[in-house]
Amino acid sequence: MIIDFHTHGKLAKYLAFSPDYTDWLFASAKRAGLDALCLTEHFNTQGFQQVYADISSRYPRVGDAFDVNGLLVFPGMEVDIAERGHTLVLGPMEDILAFNRALEPHKAKDAFLPFDELADEVERRGLHFGAGHPFRAPGRIPELTCDQLRRFEFVDLNGKDLSHDRTRTVERTYAFAQRIGGVPVVSGSDTHQAFQYGCVVTRMAHPCSTFDELFEQVHERAYQIEFAEDLEFRVLTAATLKRALKEIDRLGGSYVETILAGPAA
């Protein structure tokens, strides 16, 4: 099973949720060779609850995931901390939605939860906790104490960071994971649109549909991380498209209609 542990279902946090855009993303992920992904939308994105309400209303649930036309979508969210930096929280949809509602008072930039409080809540709720792109500025996750860092269950080897300096990102990420207790490293494209899917993937030893099954393999290191030969080009193309689509929206056009229109005649 080929999975991406860090993806987004919207183009940008400030934009309204578009089911058509998210469907385009999921179809593109399947075409890129993915069997599954973790949908780690930003916890303070506009319409967070809508995203999962739409998915759960239109697609069948299989274990902890949703079967979107053959693509398994595992629920999650990306959560900022007061110390600066991003974390990944994964778990069943009901638990993710409940946690997201509880975080409502902490969604503004000046109100993010401190790391310890967030980690306590993740543990109390029985969710899976990861360090997202730990070396990306202005995040400061590596500056947390050793005791704090050991609360992470996994570390994100991030496609966007790999595109800037693949060798250094791999070395730093694995060294960081080793420093905080030898936790597993898994891969995430961190895409907000289609072209970035597949730039880096995690090939699990066995297919699965529950978080227990998934993380049993993660802890046993029963997987391999694979890089696309054109990783850098995919991420560059994705960033260019993202800027163009956001500019279309700024000018009053429909970025969704632009995407769905298909190739020009």
C-alpha atoms as a PDB file:
ATOM      1  CA  MET A   1       0.000   0.000   0.000  1.00  0.00           C
ATOM      2  CA  ILE A   2       1.447   3.351  -1.073  1.00  0.00           C
ATOM      3  CA  ILE A   3       0.508   6.169   1.303  1.00  0.00           C
ATOM      4  CA  ASP A   4       1.208   9.872   1.793  1.00  0.00           C
ATOM      5  CA  PHE A   5       1.117  10.882   5.486  1.00  0.00           C
ATOM      6  CA  HIS A   6       0.837  14.687   5.019  1.00  0.00           C
ATOM      7  CA  THR A   7      -1.632  16.181   2.532  1.00  0.00           C
ATOM      8  CA  HIS A   8      -4.191  18.980   2.295  1.00  0.00           C
ATOM      9  CA  GLY A   9      -7.675  19.073   0.809  1.00  0.00           C
ATOM     10  CA  LYS A  10      -7.838  22.813   0.150  1.00  0.00           C
ATOM     11  CA  LEU A  11      -5.746  25.233  -1.856  1.00  0.00           C
ATOM     12  CA  ALA A  12      -5.356  27.706   1.029  1.00  0.00           C
ATOM     13  CA  LYS A  13      -6.626  28.185   4.584  1.00  0.00           C
ATOM     14  CA  TYR A  14      -8.528  31.399   3.859  1.00  0.00           C
ATOM     15  CA  LEU A  15     -10.495  29.970   0.923  1.00  0.00           C
ATOM     16  CA  ALA A  16     -13.927  28.389   1.279  1.00  0.00           C
ATOM     17  CA  PHE A  17     -14.098  24.603   1.082  1.00  0.00           C
ATOM     18  CA  SER A  18     -14.811  23.336  -2.427  1.00  0.00           C
ATOM     19  CA  PRO A  19     -15.951  19.691  -2.785  1.00  0.00           C
ATOM     20  CA  ASP A  20     -15.137  19.848  -6.503  1.00  0.00           C
ATOM     21  CA  TYR A  21     -11.560  20.935  -5.804  1.00  0.00           C
ATOM     22  CA  THR A  22     -11.083  18.256  -3.154  1.00  0.00           C
ATOM     23  CA  ASP A  23     -12.495  15.596  -5.492  1.00  0.00           C
ATOM     24  CA  TRP A  24      -9.995  16.752  -8.133  1.00  0.00           C
ATOM     25  CA  LEU A  25      -7.210  16.369  -5.594  1.00  0.00           C
ATOM     26  CA  PHE A  26      -8.241  12.859  -4.581  1.00  0.00           C
ATOM     27  CA  ALA A  27      -8.611  11.735  -8.203  1.00  0.00           C
ATOM     28  CA  SER A  28      -5.169  13.166  -8.935  1.00  0.00           C
ATOM     29  CA  ALA A  29      -3.689  11.333  -5.943  1.00  0.00           C
ATOM     30  CA  LYS A  30      -5.057   8.058  -7.269  1.00  0.00           C
ATOM     31  CA  ARG A  31      -3.650   8.760 -10.731  1.00  0.00           C
ATOM     32  CA  ALA A  32      -0.279   9.501  -9.130  1.00  0.00           C
ATOM     33  CA  GLY A  33      -0.193   5.955  -7.800  1.00  0.00           C
ATOM     34  CA  LEU A  34      -1.356   6.471  -4.219  1.00  0.00           C
ATOM     35  CA  ASP A  35      -3.518   3.855  -2.531  1.00  0.00           C
ATOM     36  CA  ALA A  36      -4.053   5.955   0.593  1.00  0.00           C
ATOM     37  CA  LEU A  37      -3.353   9.315   2.171  1.00  0.00           C
ATOM     38  CA  CYS A  38      -3.678  11.065   5.498  1.00  0.00           C
ATOM     39  CA  LEU A  39      -5.729  14.227   5.110  1.00  0.00           C
ATOM     40  CA  THR A  40      -3.931  16.601   7.477  1.00  0.00           C
ATOM     41  CA  GLU A  41      -5.757  19.834   6.719  1.00  0.00           C
ATOM     42  CA  HIS A  42      -4.757  22.849   8.823  1.00  0.00           C
ATOM     43  CA  PHE A  43      -6.749  22.837  12.064  1.00  0.00           C
ATOM     44  CA  ASN A  44      -7.667  26.518  11.626  1.00  0.00           C
ATOM     45  CA  THR A  45      -8.607  26.390   7.974  1.00  0.00           C
ATOM     46  CA  GLN A  46     -11.944  27.862   6.939  1.00  0.00           C
ATOM     47  CA  GLY A  47     -14.562  25.104   6.853  1.00  0.00           C
ATOM     48  CA  PHE A  48     -12.537  22.366   8.559  1.00  0.00           C
ATOM     49  CA  GLN A  49     -15.657  20.555   9.759  1.00  0.00           C
ATOM     50  CA  GLN A  50     -17.208  20.837   6.286  1.00  0.00           C
ATOM     51  CA  VAL A  51     -14.373  18.889   4.723  1.00  0.00           C
ATOM     52  CA  TYR A  52     -15.085  15.749   6.731  1.00  0.00           C
ATOM     53  CA  ALA A  53     -18.860  16.224   6.693  1.00  0.00           C
ATOM     54  CA  ASP A  54     -18.724  16.182   2.894  1.00  0.00           C
ATOM     55  CA  ILE A  55     -16.380  13.204   2.619  1.00  0.00           C
ATOM     56  CA  SER A  56     -18.290  11.108   5.145  1.00  0.00           C
ATOM     57  CA  SER A  57     -21.636  11.884   3.487  1.00  0.00           C
ATOM     58  CA  ARG A  58     -20.536  10.797   0.016  1.00  0.00           C
ATOM     59  CA  TYR A  59     -18.034   7.976   0.486  1.00  0.00           C
ATOM     60  CA  PRO A  60     -18.190   4.680   2.383  1.00  0.00           C
ATOM     61  CA  ARG A  61     -16.192   4.195   5.550  1.00  0.00           C
ATOM     62  CA  VAL A  62     -13.725   1.314   5.594  1.00  0.00           C
ATOM     63  CA  GLY A  63     -12.195   0.856   9.039  1.00  0.00           C
ATOM     64  CA  ASP A  64     -10.904   4.274  10.050  1.00  0.00           C
ATOM     65  CA  ALA A  65     -10.599   5.506   6.452  1.00  0.00           C
ATOM     66  CA  PHE A  66     -12.998   6.577   3.712  1.00  0.00           C
ATOM     67  CA  ASP A  67     -12.930   4.846   0.340  1.00  0.00           C
ATOM     68  CA  VAL A  68     -12.894   7.672  -2.201  1.00  0.00           C
ATOM     69  CA  ASN A  69     -13.184   5.785  -5.482  1.00  0.00           C
ATOM     70  CA  GLY A  70     -10.418   3.395  -4.495  1.00  0.00           C
ATOM     71  CA  LEU A  71      -8.298   5.879  -2.531  1.00  0.00           C
ATOM     72  CA  LEU A  72      -8.330   5.389   1.248  1.00  0.00           C
ATOM     73  CA  VAL A  73      -8.485   8.725   3.066  1.00  0.00           C
ATOM     74  CA  PHE A  74      -7.358   8.593   6.709  1.00  0.00           C
ATOM     75  CA  PRO A  75      -8.471  11.575   8.858  1.00  0.00           C
ATOM     76  CA  GLY A  76      -6.088  13.978  10.555  1.00  0.00           C
ATOM     77  CA  MET A  77      -5.113  17.619  10.937  1.00  0.00           C
ATOM     78  CA  GLU A  78      -2.036  19.819  11.104  1.00  0.00           C
ATOM     79  CA  VAL A  79      -1.860  21.821  14.343  1.00  0.00           C
ATOM     80  CA  ASP A  80       0.343  24.823  15.159  1.00  0.00           C
ATOM     81  CA  ILE A  81       1.996  25.239  18.571  1.00  0.00           C
ATOM     82  CA  ALA A  82       2.691  28.442  20.489  1.00  0.00           C
ATOM     83  CA  GLU A  83       6.450  27.829  20.372  1.00  0.00           C
ATOM     84  CA  ARG A  84       6.220  27.909  16.553  1.00  0.00           C
ATOM     85  CA  GLY A  85       6.089  24.825  14.440  1.00  0.00           C
ATOM     86  CA  HIS A  86       3.585  22.355  13.043  1.00  0.00           C
ATOM     87  CA  THR A  87       2.454  18.999  14.365  1.00  0.00           C
ATOM     88  CA  LEU A  88       0.456  16.229  12.709  1.00  0.00           C
ATOM     89  CA  VAL A  89      -2.438  14.595  14.554  1.00  0.00           C
ATOM     90  CA  LEU A  90      -4.036  11.449  13.132  1.00  0.00           C
ATOM     91  CA  GLY A  91      -7.040   9.439  14.285  1.00  0.00           C
ATOM     92  CA  PRO A  92     -10.638   8.401  13.573  1.00  0.00           C
ATOM     93  CA  MET A  93     -12.856  11.120  12.120  1.00  0.00           C
ATOM     94  CA  GLU A  94     -15.062  11.561  15.192  1.00  0.00           C
ATOM     95  CA  ASP A  95     -12.019  12.065  17.407  1.00  0.00           C
ATOM     96  CA  ILE A  96     -10.383  14.501  14.987  1.00  0.00           C
ATOM     97  CA  LEU A  97     -13.575  16.556  14.698  1.00  0.00           C
ATOM     98  CA  ALA A  98     -14.086  16.614  18.461  1.00  0.00           C
ATOM     99  CA  PHE A  99     -10.496  17.710  19.019  1.00  0.00           C
ATOM    100  CA  ASN A 100     -10.807  20.369  16.344  1.00  0.00           C
ATOM    101  CA  ARG A 101     -13.886  21.792  18.060  1.00  0.00           C
ATOM    102  CA  ALA A 102     -12.041  21.817  21.388  1.00  0.00           C
ATOM    103  CA  LEU A 103      -9.225  23.794  19.755  1.00  0.00           C
ATOM    104  CA  GLU A 104     -11.588  26.549  18.597  1.00  0.00           C
ATOM    105  CA  PRO A 105     -10.321  29.100  21.200  1.00  0.00           C
ATOM    106  CA  HIS A 106      -6.746  28.401  20.074  1.00  0.00           C
ATOM    107  CA  LYS A 107      -6.980  28.844  16.306  1.00  0.00           C
ATOM    108  CA  ALA A 108      -5.733  32.451  16.130  1.00  0.00           C
ATOM    109  CA  LYS A 109      -1.991  32.960  15.782  1.00  0.00           C
ATOM    110  CA  ASP A 110      -1.678  34.577  19.211  1.00  0.00           C
ATOM    111  CA  ALA A 111      -3.680  31.811  20.915  1.00  0.00           C
ATOM    112  CA  PHE A 112      -2.009  28.569  19.779  1.00  0.00           C
ATOM    113  CA  LEU A 113      -1.650  25.969  22.524  1.00  0.00           C
ATOM    114  CA  PRO A 114       1.803  25.467  24.034  1.00  0.00           C
ATOM    115  CA  PHE A 115       3.366  22.167  23.039  1.00  0.00           C
ATOM    116  CA  ASP A 116       2.898  20.474  26.406  1.00  0.00           C
ATOM    117  CA  GLU A 117      -0.816  21.237  26.537  1.00  0.00           C
ATOM    118  CA  LEU A 118      -1.331  20.029  22.969  1.00  0.00           C
ATOM    119  CA  ALA A 119       0.651  16.842  23.572  1.00  0.00           C
ATOM    120  CA  ASP A 120      -1.331  16.157  26.749  1.00  0.00           C
ATOM    121  CA  GLU A 121      -4.592  16.450  24.826  1.00  0.00           C
ATOM    122  CA  VAL A 122      -3.352  14.232  21.983  1.00  0.00           C
ATOM    123  CA  GLU A 123      -2.330  11.571  24.488  1.00  0.00           C
ATOM    124  CA  ARG A 124      -5.565  11.861  26.455  1.00  0.00           C
ATOM    125  CA  ARG A 125      -7.591  11.400  23.287  1.00  0.00           C
ATOM    126  CA  GLY A 126      -5.526   8.414  22.107  1.00  0.00           C
ATOM    127  CA  LEU A 127      -4.441  10.016  18.837  1.00  0.00           C
ATOM    128  CA  HIS A 128      -1.220   9.661  16.857  1.00  0.00           C
ATOM    129  CA  PHE A 129       1.241  12.554  17.075  1.00  0.00           C
ATOM    130  CA  GLY A 130       3.943  13.569  14.622  1.00  0.00           C
ATOM    131  CA  ALA A 131       6.446  16.360  14.023  1.00  0.00           C
ATOM    132  CA  GLY A 132       5.643  18.090  10.743  1.00  0.00           C
ATOM    133  CA  HIS A 133       8.600  19.361   8.659  1.00  0.00           C
ATOM    134  CA  PRO A 134      10.571  20.067  11.878  1.00  0.00           C
ATOM    135  CA  PHE A 135      13.304  22.171  10.279  1.00  0.00           C
ATOM    136  CA  ARG A 136      11.179  24.583   8.254  1.00  0.00           C
ATOM    137  CA  ALA A 137      11.449  28.219   9.315  1.00  0.00           C
ATOM    138  CA  PRO A 138      10.000  29.906  11.275  1.00  0.00           C
ATOM    139  CA  GLY A 139       9.204  26.705  13.156  1.00  0.00           C
ATOM    140  CA  ARG A 140      11.308  25.932  16.210  1.00  0.00           C
ATOM    141  CA  ILE A 141      10.397  22.335  17.022  1.00  0.00           C
ATOM    142  CA  PRO A 142      14.042  21.162  17.357  1.00  0.00           C
ATOM    143  CA  GLU A 143      14.487  23.699  20.171  1.00  0.00           C
ATOM    144  CA  LEU A 144      11.944  21.946  22.381  1.00  0.00           C
ATOM    145  CA  THR A 145      13.366  19.930  25.278  1.00  0.00           C
ATOM    146  CA  CYS A 146      14.298  16.275  24.844  1.00  0.00           C
ATOM    147  CA  ASP A 147      11.453  15.241  27.145  1.00  0.00           C
ATOM    148  CA  GLN A 148       9.002  17.183  24.995  1.00  0.00           C
ATOM    149  CA  LEU A 149      10.333  15.855  21.703  1.00  0.00           C
ATOM    150  CA  ARG A 150      10.092  12.260  22.888  1.00  0.00           C
ATOM    151  CA  ARG A 151       6.327  12.648  22.920  1.00  0.00           C
ATOM    152  CA  PHE A 152       6.276  12.496  19.121  1.00  0.00           C
ATOM    153  CA  GLU A 153       5.376   9.124  17.658  1.00  0.00           C
ATOM    154  CA  PHE A 154       6.747   9.834  14.185  1.00  0.00           C
ATOM    155  CA  VAL A 155       8.579  12.452  12.137  1.00  0.00           C
ATOM    156  CA  ASP A 156       7.579  13.838   8.743  1.00  0.00           C
ATOM    157  CA  LEU A 157      10.103  13.596   5.885  1.00  0.00           C
ATOM    158  CA  ASN A 158       8.553  16.422   3.917  1.00  0.00           C
ATOM    159  CA  GLY A 159       8.351  16.714   0.145  1.00  0.00           C
ATOM    160  CA  LYS A 160       8.538  20.494   0.061  1.00  0.00           C
ATOM    161  CA  ASP A 161      11.725  20.501   2.134  1.00  0.00           C
ATOM    162  CA  LEU A 162      13.211  17.641   0.102  1.00  0.00           C
ATOM    163  CA  SER A 163      12.781  19.703  -3.060  1.00  0.00           C
ATOM    164  CA  HIS A 164      15.045  22.441  -1.693  1.00  0.00           C
ATOM    165  CA  ASP A 165      17.880  20.176  -0.534  1.00  0.00           C
ATOM    166  CA  ARG A 166      17.152  16.462  -0.671  1.00  0.00           C
ATOM    167  CA  THR A 167      20.402  15.192   0.841  1.00  0.00           C
ATOM    168  CA  ARG A 168      20.456  17.621   3.764  1.00  0.00           C
ATOM    169  CA  THR A 169      16.746  17.166   4.515  1.00  0.00           C
ATOM    170  CA  VAL A 170      17.110  13.377   4.655  1.00  0.00           C
ATOM    171  CA  GLU A 171      20.183  13.577   6.871  1.00  0.00           C
ATOM    172  CA  ARG A 172      18.700  16.119   9.286  1.00  0.00           C
ATOM    173  CA  THR A 173      15.320  14.391   9.533  1.00  0.00           C
ATOM    174  CA  TYR A 174      16.727  10.956  10.317  1.00  0.00           C
ATOM    175  CA  ALA A 175      19.264  12.400  12.755  1.00  0.00           C
ATOM    176  CA  PHE A 176      16.456  14.293  14.496  1.00  0.00           C
ATOM    177  CA  ALA A 177      14.299  11.164  14.731  1.00  0.00           C
ATOM    178  CA  GLN A 178      17.213   9.270  16.217  1.00  0.00           C
ATOM    179  CA  ARG A 179      17.918  12.046  18.734  1.00  0.00           C
ATOM    180  CA  ILE A 180      14.373  11.990  20.080  1.00  0.00           C
ATOM    181  CA  GLY A 181      14.316   8.273  20.768  1.00  0.00           C
ATOM    182  CA  GLY A 182      14.622   6.607  17.393  1.00  0.00           C
ATOM    183  CA  VAL A 183      11.037   7.243  16.342  1.00  0.00           C
ATOM    184  CA  PRO A 184       9.944   6.240  12.834  1.00  0.00           C
ATOM    185  CA  VAL A 185      10.291   8.603   9.869  1.00  0.00           C
ATOM    186  CA  VAL A 186       7.426   8.575   7.349  1.00  0.00           C
ATOM    187  CA  SER A 187       6.940  10.682   4.238  1.00  0.00           C
ATOM    188  CA  GLY A 188       4.505  13.458   3.436  1.00  0.00           C
ATOM    189  CA  SER A 189       4.201  15.427   0.212  1.00  0.00           C
ATOM    190  CA  ASP A 190       2.590  18.398   2.029  1.00  0.00           C
ATOM    191  CA  THR A 191       0.664  19.143  -1.146  1.00  0.00           C
ATOM    192  CA  HIS A 192      -2.216  21.623  -1.445  1.00  0.00           C
ATOM    193  CA  GLN A 193      -2.837  20.696  -5.069  1.00  0.00           C
ATOM    194  CA  ALA A 194      -2.344  17.807  -7.448  1.00  0.00           C
ATOM    195  CA  PHE A 195       1.107  17.938  -9.022  1.00  0.00           C
ATOM    196  CA  GLN A 196       2.985  17.322  -5.778  1.00  0.00           C
ATOM    197  CA  TYR A 197       1.402  13.923  -5.105  1.00  0.00           C
ATOM    198  CA  GLY A 198       3.888  11.104  -5.461  1.00  0.00           C
ATOM    199  CA  CYS A 199       7.004  13.236  -5.030  1.00  0.00           C
ATOM    200  CA  VAL A 200       7.792  11.116  -1.954  1.00  0.00           C
ATOM    201  CA  VAL A 201       5.723   8.162  -0.747  1.00  0.00           C
ATOM    202  CA  THR A 202       5.740   5.496   1.949  1.00  0.00           C
ATOM    203  CA  ARG A 203       5.252   1.962   0.660  1.00  0.00           C
ATOM    204  CA  MET A 204       3.738  -0.108   3.466  1.00  0.00           C
ATOM    205  CA  ALA A 205       4.377  -3.844   3.588  1.00  0.00           C
ATOM    206  CA  HIS A 206       0.662  -4.647   3.785  1.00  0.00           C
ATOM    207  CA  PRO A 207      -2.600  -2.877   2.928  1.00  0.00           C
ATOM    208  CA  CYS A 208      -4.627  -1.690   5.899  1.00  0.00           C
ATOM    209  CA  SER A 209      -7.656   0.415   6.748  1.00  0.00           C
ATOM    210  CA  THR A 210      -7.319   1.134  10.477  1.00  0.00           C
ATOM    211  CA  PHE A 211      -4.870   3.269  12.410  1.00  0.00           C
ATOM    212  CA  ASP A 212      -3.960   0.285  14.588  1.00  0.00           C
ATOM    213  CA  GLU A 213      -2.917  -1.680  11.513  1.00  0.00           C
ATOM    214  CA  LEU A 214      -1.163   1.291   9.968  1.00  0.00           C
ATOM    215  CA  PHE A 215       0.904   2.204  13.012  1.00  0.00           C
ATOM    216  CA  GLU A 216       1.730  -1.405  13.805  1.00  0.00           C
ATOM    217  CA  GLN A 217       3.607  -1.405  10.503  1.00  0.00           C
ATOM    218  CA  VAL A 218       5.077   2.038  11.189  1.00  0.00           C
ATOM    219  CA  HIS A 219       6.480   0.929  14.557  1.00  0.00           C
ATOM    220  CA  GLU A 220       7.801  -2.288  13.055  1.00  0.00           C
ATOM    221  CA  ARG A 221       9.407  -0.281  10.217  1.00  0.00           C
ATOM    222  CA  ALA A 222       7.519  -2.490   7.775  1.00  0.00           C
ATOM    223  CA  TYR A 223       7.710   0.084   4.992  1.00  0.00           C
ATOM    224  CA  GLN A 224      10.036   1.843   2.575  1.00  0.00           C
ATOM    225  CA  ILE A 225      10.217   5.504   1.603  1.00  0.00           C
ATOM    226  CA  GLU A 226      10.520   6.126  -2.134  1.00  0.00           C
ATOM    227  CA  PHE A 227      11.396   9.318  -4.004  1.00  0.00           C
ATOM    228  CA  ALA A 228      10.177  10.315  -7.451  1.00  0.00           C
ATOM    229  CA  GLU A 229      12.970  10.933  -9.930  1.00  0.00           C
ATOM    230  CA  ASP A 230      11.380  14.293 -10.740  1.00  0.00           C
ATOM    231  CA  LEU A 231      10.662  15.226  -7.101  1.00  0.00           C
ATOM    232  CA  GLU A 232      12.051  18.750  -7.405  1.00  0.00           C
ATOM    233  CA  PHE A 233      10.141  19.429 -10.623  1.00  0.00           C
ATOM    234  CA  ARG A 234       6.853  18.196  -9.149  1.00  0.00           C
ATOM    235  CA  VAL A 235       7.145  20.482  -6.140  1.00  0.00           C
ATOM    236  CA  LEU A 236       8.214  23.478  -8.229  1.00  0.00           C
ATOM    237  CA  THR A 237       5.317  22.918 -10.624  1.00  0.00           C
ATOM    238  CA  ALA A 238       2.932  22.589  -7.682  1.00  0.00           C
ATOM    239  CA  ALA A 239       4.114  25.838  -6.114  1.00  0.00           C
ATOM    240  CA  THR A 240       3.761  27.660  -9.424  1.00  0.00           C
ATOM    241  CA  LEU A 241       0.230  26.346  -9.935  1.00  0.00           C
ATOM    242  CA  LYS A 242      -0.747  27.239  -6.375  1.00  0.00           C
ATOM    243  CA  ARG A 243       0.382  30.855  -6.846  1.00  0.00           C
ATOM    244  CA  ALA A 244      -1.486  31.096 -10.147  1.00  0.00           C
ATOM    245  CA  LEU A 245      -4.717  29.685  -8.720  1.00  0.00           C
ATOM    246  CA  LYS A 246      -4.596  32.004  -5.713  1.00  0.00           C
ATOM    247  CA  GLU A 247      -4.070  34.965  -8.062  1.00  0.00           C
ATOM    248  CA  ILE A 248      -7.101  33.895 -10.102  1.00  0.00           C
ATOM    249  CA  ASP A 249      -9.135  33.947  -6.893  1.00  0.00           C
ATOM    250  CA  ARG A 250      -7.711  37.346  -5.872  1.00  0.00           C
ATOM    251  CA  LEU A 251      -8.751  38.826  -9.202  1.00  0.00           C
ATOM    252  CA  GLY A 252     -12.306  37.572  -8.751  1.00  0.00           C
ATOM    253  CA  GLY A 253     -12.172  34.505 -10.964  1.00  0.00           C
ATOM    254  CA  SER A 254     -12.922  30.880 -10.117  1.00  0.00           C
ATOM    255  CA  TYR A 255      -9.789  28.821  -9.584  1.00  0.00           C
ATOM    256  CA  VAL A 256     -11.972  25.695  -9.331  1.00  0.00           C
ATOM    257  CA  GLU A 257     -13.602  26.274 -12.726  1.00  0.00           C
ATOM    258  CA  THR A 258     -10.142  26.932 -14.171  1.00  0.00           C
ATOM    259  CA  ILE A 259      -8.885  23.565 -12.894  1.00  0.00           C
ATOM    260  CA  LEU A 260     -11.959  21.605 -13.959  1.00  0.00           C
ATOM    261  CA  ALA A 261     -12.062  23.155 -17.429  1.00  0.00           C
ATOM    262  CA  GLY A 262      -9.308  20.803 -18.531  1.00  0.00           C
ATOM    263  CA  PRO A 263      -6.689  21.455 -21.213  1.00  0.00           C
ATOM    264  CA  ALA A 264      -7.167  24.293 -23.651  1.00  0.00           C
ATOM    265  CA  ALA A 265      -8.395  23.403 -27.111  1.00  0.00           C
END
